[in-house]
Amino acid sequence: MLATAGTLPPPAQDAAWAYETKQDGQRAVFYLPGDGTLALRSRSGEDITPAYPELRPLADALPPGLAAVLDGEIVMTDERGRSDFARLQPRMGLAASPERARRLAARAPVHAVLFDVLHLRGRLLTGLPWSERRQELEALALAGPTWSTPAALVGHGAQALRATEEHGLEGLLCKRIASRYAPGARSRDWIKIRNMRTADVVVCGWLPGAGRLTGLPGSVLMGQFEASGGGLRYVGAVGTGWSERERAELARLLHASEAAVHPFVQAPPVAAAARWVVPRLVGEVRYATRTGGGLLRQPSWLRLRPDLSPEESSAYLD
């Protein structure tokens, strides 16, 4: 069952919804047949069990002979306990490399967030409302070194969303407490709200577009000053958010500001294909989260900030 992007339910319906923190990881179904084994399947149906050997002890967390099928998210967290997709990426796709997966698991284990139960004690539960499935899930008391059941708050959606924003979390999942589980469907009974943030960035270069974008920027390379007083640090590339007119105007400004060398403290990985500019333009972008390495995830261009010079902007990286 997949969530639909949306907004908070109307206040009058708030008590009919439950709220969970949105995780940023790999969705998986956990098959626990009750014989001490565990099988993991991704959304596509791929067997990803060998990629996450540290989750195998989950099979021993249930009483012997108790079979269950659970829905959840495999995540890796940062120093503050927030799910960080960039940290998880090296682990994804390792189903065919179990030895490498074991080495990485020993160094930095993943965590399974188990938020639904689909089958239990030989009984299919997808026809039950979320509230009853949640009771069954909580009764399993799944809390271990690499797995847990997330908190769910019934009502108080606005406060829950505000808390995710204040703590820099990915967002919020809203689940109608009377909803049945609809396998494979993207349902409005589950609503996902992603917290989007904005940042001022210094335009440091660009990657030429192709096809109809020949001669125009396909994406702009962004920089932010280090808060410690250092130089510009590369924080990613943004290639969406412009109208045709805005892209053409930006191209004119970029061509007028061409430079021979990059302005970053350290050359970014896209340096070989990039064209550089004097770092004097400031733009505002919207983004989802920041990776552990400081890159902006899912950035989208909002506007130029001609009222700000790089030195006057808030374009500083902590």
C-alpha atoms as a PDB file:
ATOM      1  CA  MET A   1       0.000   0.000   0.000  1.00  0.00           C
ATOM      2  CA  LEU A   2       1.429   3.357  -1.040  1.00  0.00           C
ATOM      3  CA  ALA A   3       0.734   6.849   0.241  1.00  0.00           C
ATOM      4  CA  THR A   4      -0.459   9.793  -1.839  1.00  0.00           C
ATOM      5  CA  ALA A   5       1.249  13.171  -1.552  1.00  0.00           C
ATOM      6  CA  GLY A   6      -1.039  15.718   0.056  1.00  0.00           C
ATOM      7  CA  THR A   7      -1.710  17.971   3.011  1.00  0.00           C
ATOM      8  CA  LEU A   8      -3.059  17.547   6.527  1.00  0.00           C
ATOM      9  CA  PRO A   9      -6.675  16.363   6.850  1.00  0.00           C
ATOM     10  CA  PRO A  10      -9.168  19.118   7.731  1.00  0.00           C
ATOM     11  CA  PRO A  11      -9.207  19.938  11.470  1.00  0.00           C
ATOM     12  CA  ALA A  12     -12.749  18.567  11.793  1.00  0.00           C
ATOM     13  CA  GLN A  13     -11.448  15.143  10.660  1.00  0.00           C
ATOM     14  CA  ASP A  14      -8.241  15.195  12.707  1.00  0.00           C
ATOM     15  CA  ALA A  15      -9.406  12.597  15.252  1.00  0.00           C
ATOM     16  CA  ALA A  16     -10.056  10.104  12.431  1.00  0.00           C
ATOM     17  CA  TRP A  17      -6.382  10.019  11.459  1.00  0.00           C
ATOM     18  CA  ALA A  18      -3.152   8.668  12.933  1.00  0.00           C
ATOM     19  CA  TYR A  19       0.228  10.276  12.348  1.00  0.00           C
ATOM     20  CA  GLU A  20       3.669   8.693  12.009  1.00  0.00           C
ATOM     21  CA  THR A  21       7.064  10.151  11.165  1.00  0.00           C
ATOM     22  CA  LYS A  22       7.856   9.694   7.474  1.00  0.00           C
ATOM     23  CA  GLN A  23      11.004   7.608   6.980  1.00  0.00           C
ATOM     24  CA  ASP A  24      13.491   7.980   4.134  1.00  0.00           C
ATOM     25  CA  GLY A  25      14.684   4.484   3.317  1.00  0.00           C
ATOM     26  CA  GLN A  26      13.878   1.304   1.385  1.00  0.00           C
ATOM     27  CA  ARG A  27      10.357  -0.045   1.705  1.00  0.00           C
ATOM     28  CA  ALA A  28      10.201  -3.770   2.369  1.00  0.00           C
ATOM     29  CA  VAL A  29       7.843  -6.576   3.324  1.00  0.00           C
ATOM     30  CA  PHE A  30       9.184  -8.831   6.089  1.00  0.00           C
ATOM     31  CA  TYR A  31       8.212 -12.518   5.868  1.00  0.00           C
ATOM     32  CA  LEU A  32       8.581 -14.395   9.173  1.00  0.00           C
ATOM     33  CA  PRO A  33       7.286 -17.967   8.713  1.00  0.00           C
ATOM     34  CA  GLY A  34       7.922 -18.913  12.344  1.00  0.00           C
ATOM     35  CA  ASP A  35      10.806 -21.311  11.687  1.00  0.00           C
ATOM     36  CA  GLY A  36      13.633 -18.941  12.614  1.00  0.00           C
ATOM     37  CA  THR A  37      14.086 -17.528   9.131  1.00  0.00           C
ATOM     38  CA  LEU A  38      13.444 -14.122   7.585  1.00  0.00           C
ATOM     39  CA  ALA A  39      12.805 -13.134   3.981  1.00  0.00           C
ATOM     40  CA  LEU A  40      12.741  -9.532   2.718  1.00  0.00           C
ATOM     41  CA  ARG A  41      11.049  -8.351  -0.446  1.00  0.00           C
ATOM     42  CA  SER A  42      11.355  -4.883  -1.966  1.00  0.00           C
ATOM     43  CA  ARG A  43       8.472  -2.966  -3.537  1.00  0.00           C
ATOM     44  CA  SER A  44       9.341  -4.559  -6.894  1.00  0.00           C
ATOM     45  CA  GLY A  45       9.179  -8.038  -5.359  1.00  0.00           C
ATOM     46  CA  GLU A  46      12.957  -8.561  -5.447  1.00  0.00           C
ATOM     47  CA  ASP A  47      14.455 -10.762  -2.748  1.00  0.00           C
ATOM     48  CA  ILE A  48      16.732  -8.386  -0.825  1.00  0.00           C
ATOM     49  CA  THR A  49      17.339 -10.635   2.196  1.00  0.00           C
ATOM     50  CA  PRO A  50      21.115 -11.076   1.620  1.00  0.00           C
ATOM     51  CA  ALA A  51      21.616  -7.294   1.531  1.00  0.00           C
ATOM     52  CA  TYR A  52      20.660  -6.881   5.205  1.00  0.00           C
ATOM     53  CA  PRO A  53      22.103  -9.744   7.291  1.00  0.00           C
ATOM     54  CA  GLU A  54      21.864  -7.726  10.529  1.00  0.00           C
ATOM     55  CA  LEU A  55      18.055  -7.998  10.329  1.00  0.00           C
ATOM     56  CA  ARG A  56      18.026 -11.818  10.477  1.00  0.00           C
ATOM     57  CA  PRO A  57      17.729 -11.877  14.332  1.00  0.00           C
ATOM     58  CA  LEU A  58      14.279 -10.321  13.883  1.00  0.00           C
ATOM     59  CA  ALA A  59      13.137 -13.886  13.143  1.00  0.00           C
ATOM     60  CA  ASP A  60      13.891 -14.786  16.773  1.00  0.00           C
ATOM     61  CA  ALA A  61      11.941 -11.820  18.158  1.00  0.00           C
ATOM     62  CA  LEU A  62       8.629 -13.656  17.746  1.00  0.00           C
ATOM     63  CA  PRO A  63       7.638 -16.765  19.747  1.00  0.00           C
ATOM     64  CA  PRO A  64       8.588 -20.060  18.004  1.00  0.00           C
ATOM     65  CA  GLY A  65       5.978 -21.107  15.491  1.00  0.00           C
ATOM     66  CA  LEU A  66       4.343 -17.675  15.281  1.00  0.00           C
ATOM     67  CA  ALA A  67       4.224 -16.657  11.602  1.00  0.00           C
ATOM     68  CA  ALA A  68       3.823 -13.048  10.491  1.00  0.00           C
ATOM     69  CA  VAL A  69       4.111 -10.804   7.442  1.00  0.00           C
ATOM     70  CA  LEU A  70       5.064  -7.227   8.303  1.00  0.00           C
ATOM     71  CA  ASP A  71       5.346  -4.004   6.332  1.00  0.00           C
ATOM     72  CA  GLY A  72       8.112  -1.547   7.057  1.00  0.00           C
ATOM     73  CA  GLU A  73      11.011   0.615   6.002  1.00  0.00           C
ATOM     74  CA  ILE A  74      14.727  -0.173   6.146  1.00  0.00           C
ATOM     75  CA  VAL A  75      16.656   2.952   7.123  1.00  0.00           C
ATOM     76  CA  MET A  76      20.069   4.150   8.158  1.00  0.00           C
ATOM     77  CA  THR A  77      20.260   7.029  10.584  1.00  0.00           C
ATOM     78  CA  ASP A  78      22.586   9.978  11.046  1.00  0.00           C
ATOM     79  CA  GLU A  79      24.205  11.163  14.280  1.00  0.00           C
ATOM     80  CA  ARG A  80      20.899  12.710  15.401  1.00  0.00           C
ATOM     81  CA  GLY A  81      18.849   9.573  14.759  1.00  0.00           C
ATOM     82  CA  ARG A  82      17.200  10.834  11.570  1.00  0.00           C
ATOM     83  CA  SER A  83      16.816   8.518   8.572  1.00  0.00           C
ATOM     84  CA  ASP A  84      19.391   9.386   5.906  1.00  0.00           C
ATOM     85  CA  PHE A  85      18.803   7.891   2.451  1.00  0.00           C
ATOM     86  CA  ALA A  86      22.302   8.789   1.235  1.00  0.00           C
ATOM     87  CA  ARG A  87      23.815   6.645   3.986  1.00  0.00           C
ATOM     88  CA  LEU A  88      21.585   3.729   3.047  1.00  0.00           C
ATOM     89  CA  GLN A  89      22.337   3.801  -0.689  1.00  0.00           C
ATOM     90  CA  PRO A  90      25.628   1.836  -0.496  1.00  0.00           C
ATOM     91  CA  ARG A  91      23.673  -1.024   1.101  1.00  0.00           C
ATOM     92  CA  MET A  92      20.950  -1.154  -1.527  1.00  0.00           C
ATOM     93  CA  GLY A  93      21.551  -3.494  -4.433  1.00  0.00           C
ATOM     94  CA  LEU A  94      23.865  -5.799  -2.454  1.00  0.00           C
ATOM     95  CA  ALA A  95      21.587  -8.848  -2.582  1.00  0.00           C
ATOM     96  CA  ALA A  96      24.038 -10.402  -5.039  1.00  0.00           C
ATOM     97  CA  SER A  97      27.046  -9.480  -2.857  1.00  0.00           C
ATOM     98  CA  PRO A  98      26.301 -11.015   0.555  1.00  0.00           C
ATOM     99  CA  GLU A  99      29.934 -10.959   1.722  1.00  0.00           C
ATOM    100  CA  ARG A 100      30.231  -7.219   1.114  1.00  0.00           C
ATOM    101  CA  ALA A 101      26.829  -6.727   2.777  1.00  0.00           C
ATOM    102  CA  ARG A 102      28.102  -8.550   5.878  1.00  0.00           C
ATOM    103  CA  ARG A 103      31.188  -6.334   6.066  1.00  0.00           C
ATOM    104  CA  LEU A 104      29.136  -3.144   5.778  1.00  0.00           C
ATOM    105  CA  ALA A 105      26.545  -4.423   8.256  1.00  0.00           C
ATOM    106  CA  ALA A 106      29.230  -5.022  10.870  1.00  0.00           C
ATOM    107  CA  ARG A 107      30.507  -1.471  10.445  1.00  0.00           C
ATOM    108  CA  ALA A 108      27.190   0.418  10.182  1.00  0.00           C
ATOM    109  CA  PRO A 109      23.978  -1.617  10.662  1.00  0.00           C
ATOM    110  CA  VAL A 110      20.625  -0.596   9.233  1.00  0.00           C
ATOM    111  CA  HIS A 111      17.395  -0.351  11.215  1.00  0.00           C
ATOM    112  CA  ALA A 112      13.967  -1.758  10.336  1.00  0.00           C
ATOM    113  CA  VAL A 113      10.961   0.448  11.175  1.00  0.00           C
ATOM    114  CA  LEU A 114       7.962  -1.932  11.286  1.00  0.00           C
ATOM    115  CA  PHE A 115       4.684  -0.061  10.890  1.00  0.00           C
ATOM    116  CA  ASP A 116       2.046  -2.592   9.771  1.00  0.00           C
ATOM    117  CA  VAL A 117       1.111  -6.274  10.012  1.00  0.00           C
ATOM    118  CA  LEU A 118      -0.520  -7.953   7.014  1.00  0.00           C
ATOM    119  CA  HIS A 119      -0.703 -11.605   8.073  1.00  0.00           C
ATOM    120  CA  LEU A 120      -0.538 -13.118  11.543  1.00  0.00           C
ATOM    121  CA  ARG A 121      -1.153 -16.596  13.002  1.00  0.00           C
ATOM    122  CA  GLY A 122      -2.432 -17.883   9.663  1.00  0.00           C
ATOM    123  CA  ARG A 123      -4.927 -15.021   9.309  1.00  0.00           C
ATOM    124  CA  LEU A 124      -4.921 -12.332   6.616  1.00  0.00           C
ATOM    125  CA  LEU A 125      -5.340  -8.927   8.271  1.00  0.00           C
ATOM    126  CA  THR A 126      -5.503  -6.605   5.269  1.00  0.00           C
ATOM    127  CA  GLY A 127      -9.289  -6.366   5.563  1.00  0.00           C
ATOM    128  CA  LEU A 128      -9.106  -5.012   9.100  1.00  0.00           C
ATOM    129  CA  PRO A 129      -9.058  -1.272   9.792  1.00  0.00           C
ATOM    130  CA  TRP A 130      -5.677   0.317  10.536  1.00  0.00           C
ATOM    131  CA  SER A 131      -6.591   0.715  14.224  1.00  0.00           C
ATOM    132  CA  GLU A 132      -7.051  -3.051  14.685  1.00  0.00           C
ATOM    133  CA  ARG A 133      -3.922  -3.914  12.710  1.00  0.00           C
ATOM    134  CA  ARG A 134      -2.029  -1.434  14.870  1.00  0.00           C
ATOM    135  CA  GLN A 135      -3.219  -3.181  18.046  1.00  0.00           C
ATOM    136  CA  GLU A 136      -1.992  -6.509  16.667  1.00  0.00           C
ATOM    137  CA  LEU A 137       1.362  -4.947  15.750  1.00  0.00           C
ATOM    138  CA  GLU A 138       1.870  -3.346  19.152  1.00  0.00           C
ATOM    139  CA  ALA A 139       1.018  -6.640  20.878  1.00  0.00           C
ATOM    140  CA  LEU A 140       4.043  -8.201  19.146  1.00  0.00           C
ATOM    141  CA  ALA A 141       6.270  -5.802  21.136  1.00  0.00           C
ATOM    142  CA  LEU A 142       8.861  -5.583  18.365  1.00  0.00           C
ATOM    143  CA  ALA A 143      11.754  -3.613  19.795  1.00  0.00           C
ATOM    144  CA  GLY A 144      15.303  -4.786  19.222  1.00  0.00           C
ATOM    145  CA  PRO A 145      18.829  -3.683  18.377  1.00  0.00           C
ATOM    146  CA  THR A 146      18.050  -3.181  14.689  1.00  0.00           C
ATOM    147  CA  TRP A 147      14.251  -2.979  14.579  1.00  0.00           C
ATOM    148  CA  SER A 148      11.405  -1.075  16.217  1.00  0.00           C
ATOM    149  CA  THR A 149       7.750  -0.113  15.903  1.00  0.00           C
ATOM    150  CA  PRO A 150       7.277   3.617  15.256  1.00  0.00           C
ATOM    151  CA  ALA A 151       5.178   5.824  17.471  1.00  0.00           C
ATOM    152  CA  ALA A 152       1.738   6.652  16.091  1.00  0.00           C
ATOM    153  CA  LEU A 153      -0.310   9.593  17.345  1.00  0.00           C
ATOM    154  CA  VAL A 154      -4.075   9.665  16.808  1.00  0.00           C
ATOM    155  CA  GLY A 155      -5.202  13.240  16.229  1.00  0.00           C
ATOM    156  CA  HIS A 156      -3.053  16.362  16.768  1.00  0.00           C
ATOM    157  CA  GLY A 157      -1.829  16.339  13.161  1.00  0.00           C
ATOM    158  CA  ALA A 158      -0.757  19.977  13.076  1.00  0.00           C
ATOM    159  CA  GLN A 159       1.383  19.512  16.182  1.00  0.00           C
ATOM    160  CA  ALA A 160       2.880  16.309  14.771  1.00  0.00           C
ATOM    161  CA  LEU A 161       3.804  17.993  11.507  1.00  0.00           C
ATOM    162  CA  ARG A 162       5.314  20.950  13.334  1.00  0.00           C
ATOM    163  CA  ALA A 163       7.417  18.575  15.447  1.00  0.00           C
ATOM    164  CA  THR A 164       8.861  16.891  12.349  1.00  0.00           C
ATOM    165  CA  GLU A 165       9.767  20.293  10.921  1.00  0.00           C
ATOM    166  CA  GLU A 166      11.416  21.458  14.155  1.00  0.00           C
ATOM    167  CA  HIS A 167      13.504  18.303  14.405  1.00  0.00           C
ATOM    168  CA  GLY A 168      14.589  18.297  10.751  1.00  0.00           C
ATOM    169  CA  LEU A 169      12.746  15.076   9.918  1.00  0.00           C
ATOM    170  CA  GLU A 170      11.673  13.920   6.452  1.00  0.00           C
ATOM    171  CA  GLY A 171       7.972  14.584   6.995  1.00  0.00           C
ATOM    172  CA  LEU A 172       4.721  13.025   8.192  1.00  0.00           C
ATOM    173  CA  LEU A 173       2.525  10.087   7.214  1.00  0.00           C
ATOM    174  CA  CYS A 174      -1.202  10.487   7.858  1.00  0.00           C
ATOM    175  CA  LYS A 175      -3.220   7.256   8.020  1.00  0.00           C
ATOM    176  CA  ARG A 176      -6.981   7.076   8.256  1.00  0.00           C
ATOM    177  CA  ILE A 177      -7.612   4.891  11.312  1.00  0.00           C
ATOM    178  CA  ALA A 178     -10.583   3.143   9.651  1.00  0.00           C
ATOM    179  CA  SER A 179      -8.658   2.332   6.457  1.00  0.00           C
ATOM    180  CA  ARG A 180      -8.111  -1.202   5.185  1.00  0.00           C
ATOM    181  CA  TYR A 181      -4.764  -2.219   3.731  1.00  0.00           C
ATOM    182  CA  ALA A 182      -4.854  -2.043  -0.084  1.00  0.00           C
ATOM    183  CA  PRO A 183      -1.878  -4.031  -1.464  1.00  0.00           C
ATOM    184  CA  GLY A 184      -0.242  -2.397  -4.481  1.00  0.00           C
ATOM    185  CA  ALA A 185      -2.564   0.610  -4.438  1.00  0.00           C
ATOM    186  CA  ARG A 186      -1.638   4.266  -3.998  1.00  0.00           C
ATOM    187  CA  SER A 187      -4.405   5.295  -1.663  1.00  0.00           C
ATOM    188  CA  ARG A 188      -5.648   8.591  -0.259  1.00  0.00           C
ATOM    189  CA  ASP A 189      -6.253   6.758   3.006  1.00  0.00           C
ATOM    190  CA  TRP A 190      -2.513   7.234   3.521  1.00  0.00           C
ATOM    191  CA  ILE A 191      -1.233  10.771   2.945  1.00  0.00           C
ATOM    192  CA  LYS A 192       2.465  11.669   2.902  1.00  0.00           C
ATOM    193  CA  ILE A 193       3.660  15.189   3.640  1.00  0.00           C
ATOM    194  CA  ARG A 194       7.290  15.949   2.901  1.00  0.00           C
ATOM    195  CA  ASN A 195       8.868  18.841   4.757  1.00  0.00           C
ATOM    196  CA  MET A 196      10.469  21.162   2.229  1.00  0.00           C
ATOM    197  CA  ARG A 197      13.065  23.681   3.253  1.00  0.00           C
ATOM    198  CA  THR A 198      14.563  26.682   1.474  1.00  0.00           C
ATOM    199  CA  ALA A 199      18.133  27.895   1.262  1.00  0.00           C
ATOM    200  CA  ASP A 200      20.095  30.675  -0.391  1.00  0.00           C
ATOM    201  CA  VAL A 201      22.845  29.332  -2.634  1.00  0.00           C
ATOM    202  CA  VAL A 202      25.656  30.913  -4.619  1.00  0.00           C
ATOM    203  CA  VAL A 203      25.662  30.083  -8.342  1.00  0.00           C
ATOM    204  CA  CYS A 204      29.146  28.738  -9.090  1.00  0.00           C
ATOM    205  CA  GLY A 205      28.798  27.031 -12.452  1.00  0.00           C
ATOM    206  CA  TRP A 206      26.504  25.092 -14.709  1.00  0.00           C
ATOM    207  CA  LEU A 207      26.149  21.925 -16.731  1.00  0.00           C
ATOM    208  CA  PRO A 208      25.058  22.485 -20.375  1.00  0.00           C
ATOM    209  CA  GLY A 209      21.756  20.987 -21.421  1.00  0.00           C
ATOM    210  CA  ALA A 210      21.185  18.743 -24.433  1.00  0.00           C
ATOM    211  CA  GLY A 211      18.602  18.571 -27.203  1.00  0.00           C
ATOM    212  CA  ARG A 212      16.190  21.482 -26.963  1.00  0.00           C
ATOM    213  CA  LEU A 213      18.295  22.805 -24.060  1.00  0.00           C
ATOM    214  CA  THR A 214      21.490  23.056 -26.119  1.00  0.00           C
ATOM    215  CA  GLY A 215      23.237  26.285 -25.165  1.00  0.00           C
ATOM    216  CA  LEU A 216      21.097  26.575 -22.041  1.00  0.00           C
ATOM    217  CA  PRO A 217      21.830  25.382 -18.504  1.00  0.00           C
ATOM    218  CA  GLY A 218      20.652  21.854 -17.856  1.00  0.00           C
ATOM    219  CA  SER A 219      21.482  22.420 -14.207  1.00  0.00           C
ATOM    220  CA  VAL A 220      23.221  24.983 -12.028  1.00  0.00           C
ATOM    221  CA  LEU A 221      25.989  24.086  -9.584  1.00  0.00           C
ATOM    222  CA  MET A 222      25.341  25.455  -6.101  1.00  0.00           C
ATOM    223  CA  GLY A 223      27.712  26.522  -3.376  1.00  0.00           C
ATOM    224  CA  GLN A 224      27.443  27.703   0.208  1.00  0.00           C
ATOM    225  CA  PHE A 225      30.071  29.338   2.365  1.00  0.00           C
ATOM    226  CA  GLU A 226      31.435  27.370   5.291  1.00  0.00           C
ATOM    227  CA  ALA A 227      30.231  28.913   8.526  1.00  0.00           C
ATOM    228  CA  SER A 228      33.739  28.664   9.934  1.00  0.00           C
ATOM    229  CA  GLY A 229      34.864  31.384   7.535  1.00  0.00           C
ATOM    230  CA  GLY A 230      36.158  29.054   4.831  1.00  0.00           C
ATOM    231  CA  GLY A 231      35.389  29.191   1.133  1.00  0.00           C
ATOM    232  CA  LEU A 232      32.541  27.894  -0.976  1.00  0.00           C
ATOM    233  CA  ARG A 233      31.539  24.277  -0.525  1.00  0.00           C
ATOM    234  CA  TYR A 234      29.704  22.413  -3.310  1.00  0.00           C
ATOM    235  CA  VAL A 235      26.154  21.529  -2.163  1.00  0.00           C
ATOM    236  CA  GLY A 236      24.731  19.990  -5.340  1.00  0.00           C
ATOM    237  CA  ALA A 237      23.124  20.775  -8.680  1.00  0.00           C
ATOM    238  CA  VAL A 238      19.614  22.054  -9.357  1.00  0.00           C
ATOM    239  CA  GLY A 239      17.942  21.529 -12.731  1.00  0.00           C
ATOM    240  CA  THR A 240      14.227  22.116 -12.172  1.00  0.00           C
ATOM    241  CA  GLY A 241      11.962  25.022 -11.320  1.00  0.00           C
ATOM    242  CA  TRP A 242      12.543  27.353 -14.288  1.00  0.00           C
ATOM    243  CA  SER A 243      10.143  28.425 -16.996  1.00  0.00           C
ATOM    244  CA  GLU A 244      11.604  28.645 -20.520  1.00  0.00           C
ATOM    245  CA  ARG A 245      11.911  32.400 -20.156  1.00  0.00           C
ATOM    246  CA  GLU A 246      13.624  32.119 -16.779  1.00  0.00           C
ATOM    247  CA  ARG A 247      16.064  29.508 -18.085  1.00  0.00           C
ATOM    248  CA  ALA A 248      16.951  31.738 -21.039  1.00  0.00           C
ATOM    249  CA  GLU A 249      17.509  34.742 -18.765  1.00  0.00           C
ATOM    250  CA  LEU A 250      19.668  32.653 -16.451  1.00  0.00           C
ATOM    251  CA  ALA A 251      21.700  31.472 -19.443  1.00  0.00           C
ATOM    252  CA  ARG A 252      22.364  35.092 -20.394  1.00  0.00           C
ATOM    253  CA  LEU A 253      23.627  35.866 -16.901  1.00  0.00           C
ATOM    254  CA  LEU A 254      25.774  32.747 -16.784  1.00  0.00           C
ATOM    255  CA  HIS A 255      27.421  33.467 -20.154  1.00  0.00           C
ATOM    256  CA  ALA A 256      28.189  37.012 -18.976  1.00  0.00           C
ATOM    257  CA  SER A 257      29.881  35.705 -15.826  1.00  0.00           C
ATOM    258  CA  GLU A 258      32.080  32.963 -17.284  1.00  0.00           C
ATOM    259  CA  ALA A 259      35.274  32.106 -15.417  1.00  0.00           C
ATOM    260  CA  ALA A 260      38.207  29.837 -16.205  1.00  0.00           C
ATOM    261  CA  VAL A 261      38.369  27.986 -12.878  1.00  0.00           C
ATOM    262  CA  HIS A 262      35.902  26.756 -10.279  1.00  0.00           C
ATOM    263  CA  PRO A 263      35.379  28.804  -7.089  1.00  0.00           C
ATOM    264  CA  PHE A 264      34.965  25.873  -4.697  1.00  0.00           C
ATOM    265  CA  VAL A 265      37.289  24.869  -1.882  1.00  0.00           C
ATOM    266  CA  GLN A 266      37.376  21.450  -3.498  1.00  0.00           C
ATOM    267  CA  ALA A 267      36.416  20.536  -7.069  1.00  0.00           C
ATOM    268  CA  PRO A 268      33.006  18.824  -7.233  1.00  0.00           C
ATOM    269  CA  PRO A 269      32.605  15.385  -8.856  1.00  0.00           C
ATOM    270  CA  VAL A 270      30.924  16.963 -11.915  1.00  0.00           C
ATOM    271  CA  ALA A 271      33.891  19.270 -12.599  1.00  0.00           C
ATOM    272  CA  ALA A 272      34.919  17.609 -15.865  1.00  0.00           C
ATOM    273  CA  ALA A 273      31.662  18.543 -17.622  1.00  0.00           C
ATOM    274  CA  ALA A 274      31.029  21.878 -15.914  1.00  0.00           C
ATOM    275  CA  ARG A 275      31.365  25.470 -17.019  1.00  0.00           C
ATOM    276  CA  TRP A 276      32.344  27.929 -14.313  1.00  0.00           C
ATOM    277  CA  VAL A 277      31.146  31.411 -13.447  1.00  0.00           C
ATOM    278  CA  VAL A 278      32.247  34.188 -11.126  1.00  0.00           C
ATOM    279  CA  PRO A 279      30.319  33.443  -7.897  1.00  0.00           C
ATOM    280  CA  ARG A 280      28.254  36.606  -7.633  1.00  0.00           C
ATOM    281  CA  LEU A 281      24.689  35.416  -8.314  1.00  0.00           C
ATOM    282  CA  VAL A 282      22.545  34.240  -5.402  1.00  0.00           C
ATOM    283  CA  GLY A 283      19.508  32.039  -5.848  1.00  0.00           C
ATOM    284  CA  GLU A 284      16.868  30.604  -3.535  1.00  0.00           C
ATOM    285  CA  VAL A 285      16.071  26.898  -3.785  1.00  0.00           C
ATOM    286  CA  ARG A 286      13.613  24.544  -2.150  1.00  0.00           C
ATOM    287  CA  TYR A 287      14.918  21.138  -1.020  1.00  0.00           C
ATOM    288  CA  ALA A 288      13.810  18.109   0.968  1.00  0.00           C
ATOM    289  CA  THR A 289      16.736  17.266   3.233  1.00  0.00           C
ATOM    290  CA  ARG A 290      20.492  17.647   3.412  1.00  0.00           C
ATOM    291  CA  THR A 291      22.730  14.584   3.135  1.00  0.00           C
ATOM    292  CA  GLY A 292      25.427  13.812   5.675  1.00  0.00           C
ATOM    293  CA  GLY A 293      27.914  15.249   3.178  1.00  0.00           C
ATOM    294  CA  GLY A 294      26.035  18.550   2.999  1.00  0.00           C
ATOM    295  CA  LEU A 295      24.367  18.103  -0.410  1.00  0.00           C
ATOM    296  CA  LEU A 296      20.802  19.352  -0.898  1.00  0.00           C
ATOM    297  CA  ARG A 297      18.426  16.526  -1.809  1.00  0.00           C
ATOM    298  CA  GLN A 298      15.696  17.064  -4.425  1.00  0.00           C
ATOM    299  CA  PRO A 299      16.437  20.769  -4.955  1.00  0.00           C
ATOM    300  CA  SER A 300      14.133  22.934  -7.058  1.00  0.00           C
ATOM    301  CA  TRP A 301      14.889  26.499  -8.158  1.00  0.00           C
ATOM    302  CA  LEU A 302      12.621  29.195  -6.718  1.00  0.00           C
ATOM    303  CA  ARG A 303      14.092  32.536  -7.798  1.00  0.00           C
ATOM    304  CA  LEU A 304      17.149  34.683  -8.261  1.00  0.00           C
ATOM    305  CA  ARG A 305      17.992  36.962  -5.349  1.00  0.00           C
ATOM    306  CA  PRO A 306      19.390  40.136  -7.008  1.00  0.00           C
ATOM    307  CA  ASP A 307      18.886  41.908  -3.685  1.00  0.00           C
ATOM    308  CA  LEU A 308      21.620  39.809  -2.098  1.00  0.00           C
ATOM    309  CA  SER A 309      25.328  39.535  -2.693  1.00  0.00           C
ATOM    310  CA  PRO A 310      26.970  36.242  -1.723  1.00  0.00           C
ATOM    311  CA  GLU A 311      28.477  37.900   1.332  1.00  0.00           C
ATOM    312  CA  GLU A 312      25.124  39.357   2.430  1.00  0.00           C
ATOM    313  CA  SER A 313      23.081  36.207   1.896  1.00  0.00           C
ATOM    314  CA  SER A 314      22.308  33.502   4.393  1.00  0.00           C
ATOM    315  CA  ALA A 315      24.173  31.035   2.163  1.00  0.00           C
ATOM    316  CA  TYR A 316      26.209  29.478   4.960  1.00  0.00           C
ATOM    317  CA  LEU A 317      26.801  25.794   5.577  1.00  0.00           C
ATOM    318  CA  ASP A 318      27.022  24.762   9.242  1.00  0.00           C
END
